[in-house]
Amino acid sequence: MAEPFQRYKCLNCGMIYDEALGLPEEDIAPGTRWAAVPDDWICPECGSEKRDFTLIDRA
């Protein structure tokens, strides 16, 4: 059974990365797991690094 998709939040601006939705406008397809997002990716909202995101609970 596949793991459920998770969401990650930027600690600086609050932008949410949802694995289920991806970020097509950033060339990250829906269903892309956080671990598969490149380590040099930056937040499109504020320019923070990937390490500035934290896992949040799904509502």
N, C-alpha and C. Protein backbone atom coordinates (compact mmCIF):
# COMPACT_ATOMS: atom_id res chain seq x y z
N MET A 1 0.84 -1.20 0.00
CA MET A 1 0.00 0.00 0.00
C MET A 1 0.88 1.25 0.00
N ALA A 2 0.54 2.20 -0.83
CA ALA A 2 1.32 3.43 -0.95
C ALA A 2 1.14 4.32 0.27
N GLU A 3 2.20 4.99 0.61
CA GLU A 3 2.14 5.95 1.71
C GLU A 3 1.25 7.12 1.30
N PRO A 4 0.49 7.68 2.25
CA PRO A 4 -0.34 8.85 1.91
C PRO A 4 0.56 10.06 1.59
N PHE A 5 0.04 10.93 0.77
CA PHE A 5 0.77 12.15 0.45
C PHE A 5 0.85 13.03 1.69
N GLN A 6 1.92 13.81 1.77
CA GLN A 6 2.11 14.69 2.91
C GLN A 6 2.25 16.13 2.43
N ARG A 7 2.20 17.06 3.40
CA ARG A 7 2.35 18.48 3.09
C ARG A 7 3.50 19.04 3.91
N TYR A 8 4.17 20.01 3.33
CA TYR A 8 5.30 20.68 3.97
C TYR A 8 5.08 22.18 3.90
N LYS A 9 5.45 22.87 4.98
CA LYS A 9 5.21 24.31 5.09
C LYS A 9 6.52 25.07 5.21
N CYS A 10 6.64 26.16 4.47
CA CYS A 10 7.80 27.03 4.57
C CYS A 10 7.73 27.75 5.92
N LEU A 11 8.79 27.67 6.68
CA LEU A 11 8.82 28.30 8.00
C LEU A 11 8.92 29.82 7.91
N ASN A 12 9.28 30.33 6.74
CA ASN A 12 9.47 31.78 6.60
C ASN A 12 8.25 32.51 6.04
N CYS A 13 7.54 31.89 5.09
CA CYS A 13 6.40 32.60 4.50
C CYS A 13 5.07 31.85 4.62
N GLY A 14 5.13 30.58 5.01
CA GLY A 14 3.90 29.81 5.18
C GLY A 14 3.41 29.10 3.93
N MET A 15 4.13 29.20 2.82
CA MET A 15 3.74 28.51 1.60
C MET A 15 3.69 27.01 1.86
N ILE A 16 2.70 26.34 1.30
CA ILE A 16 2.52 24.90 1.50
C ILE A 16 2.92 24.15 0.22
N TYR A 17 3.75 23.12 0.38
CA TYR A 17 4.02 22.18 -0.71
C TYR A 17 3.23 20.92 -0.40
N ASP A 18 2.30 20.58 -1.27
CA ASP A 18 1.46 19.40 -1.12
C ASP A 18 1.93 18.37 -2.14
N GLU A 19 2.39 17.22 -1.66
CA GLU A 19 2.91 16.19 -2.57
C GLU A 19 1.86 15.76 -3.60
N ALA A 20 0.60 15.72 -3.21
CA ALA A 20 -0.45 15.30 -4.12
C ALA A 20 -0.60 16.27 -5.29
N LEU A 21 -0.41 17.56 -5.02
CA LEU A 21 -0.60 18.59 -6.04
C LEU A 21 0.67 18.93 -6.79
N GLY A 22 1.82 18.73 -6.13
CA GLY A 22 3.09 19.16 -6.74
C GLY A 22 3.07 20.66 -6.96
N LEU A 23 3.93 21.12 -7.84
CA LEU A 23 3.96 22.54 -8.24
C LEU A 23 4.22 22.58 -9.75
N PRO A 24 3.18 22.31 -10.54
CA PRO A 24 3.38 22.26 -11.99
C PRO A 24 4.03 23.52 -12.56
N GLU A 25 3.73 24.67 -11.98
CA GLU A 25 4.32 25.92 -12.47
C GLU A 25 5.83 25.99 -12.19
N GLU A 26 6.32 25.11 -11.32
CA GLU A 26 7.76 25.00 -11.01
C GLU A 26 8.34 23.71 -11.62
N ASP A 27 7.60 23.10 -12.53
CA ASP A 27 8.00 21.83 -13.18
C ASP A 27 8.12 20.67 -12.20
N ILE A 28 7.30 20.69 -11.14
CA ILE A 28 7.24 19.58 -10.19
C ILE A 28 5.85 18.97 -10.34
N ALA A 29 5.81 17.77 -10.91
CA ALA A 29 4.54 17.12 -11.26
C ALA A 29 3.74 16.73 -10.02
N PRO A 30 2.40 16.70 -10.15
CA PRO A 30 1.57 16.17 -9.07
C PRO A 30 2.03 14.77 -8.71
N GLY A 31 2.02 14.47 -7.42
CA GLY A 31 2.45 13.16 -6.94
C GLY A 31 3.94 13.08 -6.63
N THR A 32 4.67 14.19 -6.80
CA THR A 32 6.10 14.20 -6.51
C THR A 32 6.33 14.27 -5.01
N ARG A 33 6.98 13.26 -4.49
CA ARG A 33 7.28 13.21 -3.05
C ARG A 33 8.32 14.28 -2.70
N TRP A 34 8.27 14.75 -1.47
CA TRP A 34 9.19 15.78 -0.99
C TRP A 34 10.64 15.36 -1.17
N ALA A 35 10.93 14.09 -0.92
CA ALA A 35 12.30 13.59 -1.06
C ALA A 35 12.79 13.70 -2.50
N ALA A 36 11.88 13.71 -3.47
CA ALA A 36 12.26 13.79 -4.88
C ALA A 36 12.42 15.23 -5.38
N VAL A 37 11.99 16.20 -4.56
CA VAL A 37 12.20 17.60 -4.92
C VAL A 37 13.70 17.88 -4.78
N PRO A 38 14.31 18.49 -5.79
CA PRO A 38 15.77 18.72 -5.72
C PRO A 38 16.18 19.50 -4.48
N ASP A 39 17.34 19.14 -3.93
CA ASP A 39 17.83 19.80 -2.72
C ASP A 39 18.13 21.28 -2.94
N ASP A 40 18.38 21.69 -4.19
CA ASP A 40 18.67 23.09 -4.45
C ASP A 40 17.42 23.90 -4.83
N TRP A 41 16.26 23.28 -4.72
CA TRP A 41 14.99 23.96 -4.99
C TRP A 41 14.79 25.06 -3.96
N ILE A 42 14.20 26.17 -4.38
CA ILE A 42 13.90 27.25 -3.44
C ILE A 42 12.41 27.58 -3.49
N CYS A 43 11.91 28.08 -2.39
CA CYS A 43 10.50 28.46 -2.28
C CYS A 43 10.18 29.54 -3.32
N PRO A 44 9.16 29.31 -4.15
CA PRO A 44 8.82 30.31 -5.16
C PRO A 44 8.20 31.57 -4.57
N GLU A 45 7.75 31.49 -3.32
CA GLU A 45 7.12 32.64 -2.67
C GLU A 45 8.14 33.59 -2.04
N CYS A 46 9.17 33.03 -1.38
CA CYS A 46 10.08 33.89 -0.61
C CYS A 46 11.57 33.62 -0.83
N GLY A 47 11.89 32.57 -1.59
CA GLY A 47 13.29 32.29 -1.87
C GLY A 47 14.00 31.47 -0.80
N SER A 48 13.26 30.94 0.17
CA SER A 48 13.87 30.11 1.21
C SER A 48 14.31 28.78 0.62
N GLU A 49 15.26 28.15 1.28
CA GLU A 49 15.76 26.86 0.84
C GLU A 49 14.83 25.73 1.26
N LYS A 50 14.99 24.58 0.63
CA LYS A 50 14.17 23.41 0.93
C LYS A 50 14.26 23.04 2.41
N ARG A 51 15.42 23.22 3.01
CA ARG A 51 15.60 22.87 4.43
C ARG A 51 14.76 23.75 5.36
N ASP A 52 14.20 24.84 4.84
CA ASP A 52 13.37 25.73 5.65
C ASP A 52 11.90 25.31 5.64
N PHE A 53 11.61 24.12 5.13
CA PHE A 53 10.25 23.59 5.14
C PHE A 53 10.14 22.51 6.22
N THR A 54 8.96 22.40 6.80
CA THR A 54 8.73 21.38 7.82
C THR A 54 7.46 20.61 7.49
N LEU A 55 7.44 19.35 7.86
CA LEU A 55 6.27 18.51 7.66
C LEU A 55 5.13 19.01 8.53
N ILE A 56 3.94 19.11 7.93
CA ILE A 56 2.76 19.47 8.71
C ILE A 56 1.74 18.35 8.59
N ASP A 57 0.84 18.28 9.54
CA ASP A 57 -0.20 17.24 9.53
C ASP A 57 -1.25 17.58 8.47
N ARG A 58 -1.76 16.52 7.90
CA ARG A 58 -2.89 16.69 6.99
C ARG A 58 -4.14 16.91 7.80
N ALA A 59 -4.97 17.82 7.34
CA ALA A 59 -6.22 18.12 8.05
C ALA A 59 -7.30 17.14 7.67
